[in-house]
């Protein structure tokens, strides 16, 4: 067979453009390309941001939160003790992962207004506020809080078996877990109100009974109570303005009696500035007396330790929005005081 008669097939990318003897194909193609590039259709620009998404989701959850709390309390009342209520049918044989499989229909009660209310009534937590398509067992959420105190990452990853990591799975689990924490916080608030523990200073007065309570005719100790304090400097958080971006708006607030609202603390801002402007002779005298009494070496610790210096030297870099969280705990492991250093300029 003559090899010259075989058809030649150009490799991909080298085909070229078929040109006729009359010509003009290249000009037509170039004109068509310019016309397509010049077409300016109507393009929709989505003005929504990630902050809008968080705000909308938070508002939808807050509207139905009271109803979800009632549904969760009803579920706990009907709970058999293992975290999963009986559905009236035995589970089918388990699959390879050892988890029993069950197919059932969740019936809503006449007074239920939201799908999540029906899910919680049967022991499930929805991952979306309005139209949930995925739900998680409430018993799994009960196991997460003890684990997060030891290893937060492990507690979330260990709930999935034989499933590779997917970001959307983590988002769904976090959404359901946050709703579960909000429900527990609402229940704790109801208990504190019923027990008259909702006063502003109740937590401070009743932090540790062993340290602050005394019996009649109890002898005095050399030290009434011992505490330890740590500034947690590793919890610094950079200010987003340093990178030229604005912080995302988040209206969610921590529902805890350990923290005071930042707006309430800012009311005393003028008093702090007035106190800082006054010369404090105590710190200077402390450093001078230390230098005289101890006769330090050329590399004295007191000269380098900023906490022993004047107040004007106790400054934190302005690039941090939070410079740490001070925690004070007693020897019985009760948290007595907690202070979030938000742009305080101290230390």
Protein backbone atom coordinates (compact mmCIF):
# COMPACT_ATOMS: atom_id res chain seq x y z
CA UNK A 1 0.00 0.00 0.00
CA UNK A 2 1.27 3.45 -0.93
CA UNK A 3 1.76 5.56 2.21
CA UNK A 4 1.43 8.79 0.24
CA UNK A 5 -2.24 8.06 -0.40
CA UNK A 6 -3.17 7.92 3.33
CA UNK A 7 -5.19 10.93 4.54
CA UNK A 8 -3.26 13.28 6.80
CA UNK A 9 -4.93 14.07 10.15
CA UNK A 10 -3.54 17.12 11.90
CA UNK A 11 -2.96 16.82 15.65
CA UNK A 12 -5.31 18.70 17.98
CA UNK A 13 -4.60 22.41 17.95
CA UNK A 14 -2.90 22.40 14.54
CA UNK A 15 -5.97 21.96 12.37
CA UNK A 16 -5.90 25.54 11.09
CA UNK A 17 -8.70 27.31 9.25
CA UNK A 18 -10.16 26.01 6.00
CA UNK A 19 -9.72 28.70 3.35
CA UNK A 20 -11.37 28.63 -0.05
CA UNK A 21 -9.83 29.93 -3.24
CA UNK A 22 -12.16 32.93 -3.19
CA UNK A 23 -10.92 34.04 0.27
CA UNK A 24 -12.70 36.31 2.75
CA UNK A 25 -13.34 33.70 5.47
CA UNK A 26 -10.88 35.25 7.92
CA UNK A 27 -12.45 38.71 7.62
CA UNK A 28 -15.93 37.30 8.20
CA UNK A 29 -14.78 35.37 11.26
CA UNK A 30 -12.99 38.41 12.70
CA UNK A 31 -16.06 40.60 12.22
CA UNK A 32 -18.29 38.02 13.92
CA UNK A 33 -15.91 37.83 16.87
CA UNK A 34 -16.03 41.62 17.32
CA UNK A 35 -19.83 41.60 17.21
CA UNK A 36 -20.08 38.88 19.84
CA UNK A 37 -17.59 40.71 22.07
CA UNK A 38 -19.55 43.94 21.71
CA UNK A 39 -22.86 42.47 22.78
CA UNK A 40 -23.80 43.95 26.19
CA UNK A 41 -26.74 42.03 27.58
CA UNK A 42 -28.62 42.71 30.79
CA UNK A 43 -26.56 41.28 33.63
CA UNK A 44 -28.01 40.94 37.13
CA UNK A 45 -25.71 42.01 39.94
CA UNK A 46 -26.55 40.43 43.26
CA UNK A 47 -26.25 43.14 45.94
CA UNK A 48 -26.47 40.66 48.79
CA UNK A 49 -23.45 39.90 50.94
CA UNK A 50 -22.49 37.15 53.33
CA UNK A 51 -23.57 39.39 56.21
CA UNK A 52 -27.05 39.62 54.71
CA UNK A 53 -27.24 35.86 54.54
CA UNK A 54 -26.26 35.50 58.20
CA UNK A 55 -28.73 38.19 59.28
CA UNK A 56 -31.61 36.62 57.36
CA UNK A 57 -30.85 33.18 58.73
CA UNK A 58 -30.58 34.54 62.28
CA UNK A 59 -33.89 36.40 62.00
CA UNK A 60 -35.70 33.32 60.71
CA UNK A 61 -34.37 31.24 63.60
CA UNK A 62 -35.26 33.88 66.21
CA UNK A 63 -38.88 34.06 65.05
CA UNK A 64 -39.49 30.37 65.76
CA UNK A 65 -37.04 29.85 68.63
CA UNK A 66 -39.69 29.94 71.38
CA UNK A 67 -41.72 27.30 69.56
CA UNK A 68 -38.63 25.16 69.08
CA UNK A 69 -37.91 25.32 72.80
CA UNK A 70 -41.40 24.07 73.59
CA UNK A 71 -41.04 21.26 71.05
CA UNK A 72 -37.67 20.25 72.52
CA UNK A 73 -39.07 20.16 76.06
CA UNK A 74 -41.91 17.97 74.84
CA UNK A 75 -39.41 15.69 73.14
CA UNK A 76 -37.34 15.40 76.33
CA UNK A 77 -40.48 14.53 78.28
CA UNK A 78 -41.27 11.67 75.88
CA UNK A 79 -37.67 10.54 75.58
CA UNK A 80 -37.02 6.94 76.59
CA UNK A 81 -33.63 7.78 78.06
CA UNK A 82 -31.36 6.82 75.18
CA UNK A 83 -31.81 10.10 73.33
CA UNK A 84 -34.02 8.67 70.58
CA UNK A 85 -37.81 8.36 71.04
CA UNK A 86 -39.65 5.27 69.88
CA UNK A 87 -41.24 5.54 66.44
CA UNK A 88 -43.47 2.52 66.80
CA UNK A 89 -41.54 0.24 64.43
CA UNK A 90 -38.36 -1.83 64.89
CA UNK A 91 -35.26 -0.74 63.00
CA UNK A 92 -34.23 -2.60 59.90
CA UNK A 93 -30.94 -4.54 59.73
CA UNK A 94 -27.86 -2.35 59.96
CA UNK A 95 -25.60 -1.49 57.06
CA UNK A 96 -21.84 -1.75 56.80
CA UNK A 97 -21.23 1.14 59.18
CA UNK A 98 -23.15 -0.55 62.01
CA UNK A 99 -25.85 2.11 62.25
CA UNK A 100 -29.48 0.90 62.15
CA UNK A 101 -31.58 2.13 59.25
CA UNK A 102 -35.21 3.13 59.63
CA UNK A 103 -37.75 4.50 57.19
CA UNK A 104 -40.59 6.37 58.85
CA UNK A 105 -42.92 9.30 58.32
CA UNK A 106 -42.84 12.20 60.77
CA UNK A 107 -46.30 13.50 61.50
CA UNK A 108 -46.77 17.09 62.52
CA UNK A 109 -49.03 18.13 65.35
CA UNK A 110 -51.98 20.48 64.72
CA UNK A 111 -50.27 23.34 66.58
CA UNK A 112 -46.98 23.06 64.69
CA UNK A 113 -46.24 26.10 62.51
CA UNK A 114 -42.73 25.35 61.17
CA UNK A 115 -41.06 22.23 59.75
CA UNK A 116 -38.29 22.42 62.35
CA UNK A 117 -40.90 22.31 65.08
CA UNK A 118 -42.06 18.95 63.75
CA UNK A 119 -38.50 17.67 63.42
CA UNK A 120 -37.58 18.57 67.00
CA UNK A 121 -40.83 17.02 68.21
CA UNK A 122 -39.55 13.70 66.83
CA UNK A 123 -35.95 14.16 68.00
CA UNK A 124 -34.24 15.74 64.99
CA UNK A 125 -32.54 19.08 64.37
CA UNK A 126 -32.97 20.75 61.01
CA UNK A 127 -30.02 22.38 59.28
CA UNK A 128 -32.04 25.23 57.69
CA UNK A 129 -34.58 27.60 59.29
CA UNK A 130 -37.41 27.48 56.74
CA UNK A 131 -37.05 24.56 54.32
CA UNK A 132 -34.78 21.92 55.90
CA UNK A 133 -33.84 18.99 53.69
CA UNK A 134 -31.27 17.48 56.08
CA UNK A 135 -31.77 16.76 59.79
CA UNK A 136 -29.48 15.40 62.50
CA UNK A 137 -30.35 13.30 65.52
CA UNK A 138 -30.60 15.36 68.68
CA UNK A 139 -28.74 12.58 70.49
CA UNK A 140 -25.67 13.29 68.36
CA UNK A 141 -25.76 16.96 69.32
CA UNK A 142 -25.91 15.98 72.99
CA UNK A 143 -22.57 14.19 72.58
CA UNK A 144 -20.80 17.15 70.98
CA UNK A 145 -20.55 19.62 73.93
CA UNK A 146 -18.46 17.31 76.20
CA UNK A 147 -16.09 16.52 73.33
CA UNK A 148 -15.56 20.15 72.30
CA UNK A 149 -13.96 20.88 75.68
CA UNK A 150 -11.16 18.46 74.83
CA UNK A 151 -10.75 18.62 71.05
CA UNK A 152 -13.19 20.76 69.02
CA UNK A 153 -12.04 19.45 65.63
CA UNK A 154 -12.28 15.80 66.61
CA UNK A 155 -15.77 16.17 68.04
CA UNK A 156 -17.14 17.35 64.69
CA UNK A 157 -15.20 15.00 62.44
CA UNK A 158 -15.85 11.86 64.49
CA UNK A 159 -19.61 12.00 63.90
CA UNK A 160 -19.16 11.02 60.25
CA UNK A 161 -18.30 7.44 59.40
CA UNK A 162 -16.87 6.38 56.07
CA UNK A 163 -17.69 9.80 54.62
CA UNK A 164 -14.93 11.96 53.13
CA UNK A 165 -14.61 15.54 54.27
CA UNK A 166 -16.99 17.93 52.56
CA UNK A 167 -17.36 21.61 53.52
CA UNK A 168 -21.13 21.56 53.17
CA UNK A 169 -21.40 18.68 55.65
CA UNK A 170 -19.51 20.73 58.23
CA UNK A 171 -21.77 23.72 57.55
CA UNK A 172 -24.89 21.62 58.06
CA UNK A 173 -23.60 20.13 61.30
CA UNK A 174 -22.53 23.51 62.66
CA UNK A 175 -25.92 25.02 61.80
CA UNK A 176 -27.81 22.33 63.68
CA UNK A 177 -25.38 22.44 66.58
CA UNK A 178 -25.72 26.24 66.96
CA UNK A 179 -29.51 25.91 67.07
CA UNK A 180 -29.17 23.20 69.70
CA UNK A 181 -27.02 25.50 71.85
CA UNK A 182 -29.53 28.33 71.51
CA UNK A 183 -32.33 26.03 72.65
CA UNK A 184 -30.33 24.98 75.72
CA UNK A 185 -29.55 28.62 76.52
CA UNK A 186 -33.23 29.55 76.37
CA UNK A 187 -34.04 26.68 78.73
CA UNK A 188 -31.31 27.79 81.15
CA UNK A 189 -32.72 31.31 81.13
CA UNK A 190 -36.16 29.99 82.04
CA UNK A 191 -34.69 27.99 84.91
CA UNK A 192 -32.72 30.98 86.20
CA UNK A 193 -35.83 33.15 86.08
CA UNK A 194 -37.86 30.58 87.99
CA UNK A 195 -35.11 30.20 90.63
CA UNK A 196 -34.58 33.97 90.97
CA UNK A 197 -31.07 33.74 89.57
CA UNK A 198 -31.49 36.36 86.86
CA UNK A 199 -30.15 39.37 88.79
CA UNK A 200 -27.11 41.13 87.27
CA UNK A 201 -24.76 40.28 90.16
CA UNK A 202 -25.97 36.76 90.95
CA UNK A 203 -23.13 35.09 89.07
CA UNK A 204 -20.50 37.15 90.88
CA UNK A 205 -22.02 36.53 94.31
CA UNK A 206 -22.50 32.80 93.77
CA UNK A 207 -19.53 31.87 91.61
CA UNK A 208 -17.95 29.35 93.99
CA UNK A 209 -19.83 28.28 97.14
CA UNK A 210 -16.73 26.64 98.63
CA UNK A 211 -14.73 29.88 98.43
CA UNK A 212 -17.30 32.54 99.24
CA UNK A 213 -19.73 30.80 101.58
CA UNK A 214 -18.92 30.50 105.28
CA UNK A 215 -20.45 28.47 108.07
CA UNK A 216 -21.34 29.79 111.48
CA UNK A 217 -18.37 29.93 113.85
CA UNK A 218 -16.02 28.90 111.05
CA UNK A 219 -12.40 29.81 111.90
CA UNK A 220 -10.65 32.31 109.69
CA UNK A 221 -8.05 31.02 107.28
CA UNK A 222 -4.76 32.63 106.40
CA UNK A 223 -6.07 33.11 102.87
CA UNK A 224 -9.81 33.27 102.39
CA UNK A 225 -9.59 32.17 98.78
CA UNK A 226 -6.94 31.57 96.15
CA UNK A 227 -7.30 32.50 92.49
CA UNK A 228 -5.26 32.26 89.34
CA UNK A 229 -5.33 34.56 86.32
CA UNK A 230 -4.27 34.23 82.72
CA UNK A 231 -4.45 36.80 79.93
CA UNK A 232 -4.67 34.29 77.04
CA UNK A 233 -2.50 36.36 74.75
CA UNK A 234 -2.78 33.68 72.09
CA UNK A 235 -6.42 34.74 71.55
CA UNK A 236 -5.45 38.01 69.87
CA UNK A 237 -7.63 38.94 66.91
CA UNK A 238 -6.49 41.27 64.16
CA UNK A 239 -8.56 44.27 63.22
CA UNK A 240 -10.07 43.84 59.76
CA UNK A 241 -9.34 47.50 58.94
CA UNK A 242 -5.65 46.63 58.81
CA UNK A 243 -6.28 44.64 55.63
CA UNK A 244 -8.48 47.36 54.12
CA UNK A 245 -11.71 45.41 54.59
CA UNK A 246 -14.77 46.07 56.71
CA UNK A 247 -15.88 43.69 59.40
CA UNK A 248 -19.00 41.67 58.67
CA UNK A 249 -22.07 42.79 60.56
CA UNK A 250 -23.30 40.14 62.96
CA UNK A 251 -26.14 41.00 65.33
CA UNK A 252 -25.96 37.71 67.22
CA UNK A 253 -25.22 38.11 70.92
CA UNK A 254 -23.91 35.68 73.47
CA UNK A 255 -26.67 34.77 75.89
CA UNK A 256 -24.62 34.33 79.04
CA UNK A 257 -24.45 35.98 82.43
CA UNK A 258 -20.65 35.96 82.29
CA UNK A 259 -20.45 38.77 79.74
CA UNK A 260 -21.63 42.37 79.79
CA UNK A 261 -22.73 44.02 76.57
CA UNK A 262 -19.91 46.13 75.00
CA UNK A 263 -22.25 49.12 74.72
CA UNK A 264 -22.76 49.03 78.49
CA UNK A 265 -19.02 48.93 79.09
CA UNK A 266 -18.41 51.84 76.69
CA UNK A 267 -20.44 54.12 78.96
CA UNK A 268 -17.45 54.20 81.32
CA UNK A 269 -14.99 55.03 78.56
CA UNK A 270 -14.61 58.65 79.64
CA UNK A 271 -13.86 57.63 83.22
CA UNK A 272 -11.10 55.30 82.09
CA UNK A 273 -9.49 58.00 79.94
CA UNK A 274 -9.64 60.54 82.75
CA UNK A 275 -8.02 58.07 85.12
CA UNK A 276 -5.30 57.23 82.58
CA UNK A 277 -4.50 60.93 82.04
CA UNK A 278 -3.76 61.45 85.74
CA UNK A 279 -0.10 60.80 86.63
CA UNK A 280 0.22 57.68 88.68
CA UNK A 281 3.14 57.97 91.05
CA UNK A 282 2.58 54.55 92.50
CA UNK A 283 3.93 52.67 89.50
CA UNK A 284 7.02 54.89 89.16
CA UNK A 285 7.68 54.59 92.87
CA UNK A 286 7.29 50.84 92.62
CA UNK A 287 9.92 50.57 89.91
CA UNK A 288 12.28 52.95 91.72
CA UNK A 289 11.91 51.15 95.03
CA UNK A 290 12.51 47.84 93.35
CA UNK A 291 15.69 49.11 91.75
CA UNK A 292 17.00 50.54 95.03
CA UNK A 293 16.16 47.62 97.27
CA UNK A 294 17.23 44.74 95.09
CA UNK A 295 20.34 46.38 93.50
CA UNK A 296 19.65 44.74 90.14
CA UNK A 297 22.26 43.66 87.67
CA UNK A 298 22.66 45.46 84.30
CA UNK A 299 20.01 43.13 82.82
CA UNK A 300 17.36 43.42 85.51
CA UNK A 301 14.05 41.66 85.07
CA UNK A 302 12.18 44.67 86.48
CA UNK A 303 13.46 46.89 83.66
CA UNK A 304 12.21 44.53 80.97
CA UNK A 305 8.99 43.36 82.56
CA UNK A 306 6.33 45.72 81.21
CA UNK A 307 3.77 44.79 83.85
CA UNK A 308 6.00 46.37 86.49
CA UNK A 309 6.48 49.57 84.52
CA UNK A 310 4.42 52.77 84.36
CA UNK A 311 0.93 52.74 82.97
CA UNK A 312 2.01 54.61 79.84
CA UNK A 313 4.22 51.66 78.87
CA UNK A 314 1.41 49.13 79.15
CA UNK A 315 0.20 49.48 75.58
CA UNK A 316 -0.87 46.92 73.05
CA UNK A 317 -0.36 47.23 69.32
CA UNK A 318 -3.20 49.06 67.60
CA UNK A 319 -3.46 46.36 64.95
CA UNK A 320 -5.41 44.06 67.28
CA UNK A 321 -9.14 44.38 67.75
CA UNK A 322 -8.94 41.99 70.71
CA UNK A 323 -5.72 41.62 72.68
CA UNK A 324 -6.79 38.63 74.78
CA UNK A 325 -9.33 37.32 77.27
CA UNK A 326 -8.52 37.51 80.96
CA UNK A 327 -9.86 34.61 82.98
CA UNK A 328 -9.80 34.39 86.77
CA UNK A 329 -10.51 30.99 88.31
CA UNK A 330 -10.43 29.65 91.85
CA UNK A 331 -8.80 26.44 93.00
CA UNK A 332 -12.13 24.63 92.62
CA UNK A 333 -12.09 25.30 88.84
CA UNK A 334 -14.91 27.84 88.91
CA UNK A 335 -14.58 30.86 86.63
CA UNK A 336 -14.88 33.96 88.81
CA UNK A 337 -14.26 36.76 86.33
CA UNK A 338 -13.79 36.99 82.57
CA UNK A 339 -12.76 40.11 80.68
CA UNK A 340 -12.54 40.38 76.90
CA UNK A 341 -9.89 43.00 76.06
CA UNK A 342 -11.56 44.76 73.10
CA UNK A 343 -9.33 47.59 71.86
CA UNK A 344 -8.45 48.43 75.42
CA UNK A 345 -4.87 49.51 74.72
CA UNK A 346 -3.65 47.77 77.86
CA UNK A 347 -0.92 45.23 78.28
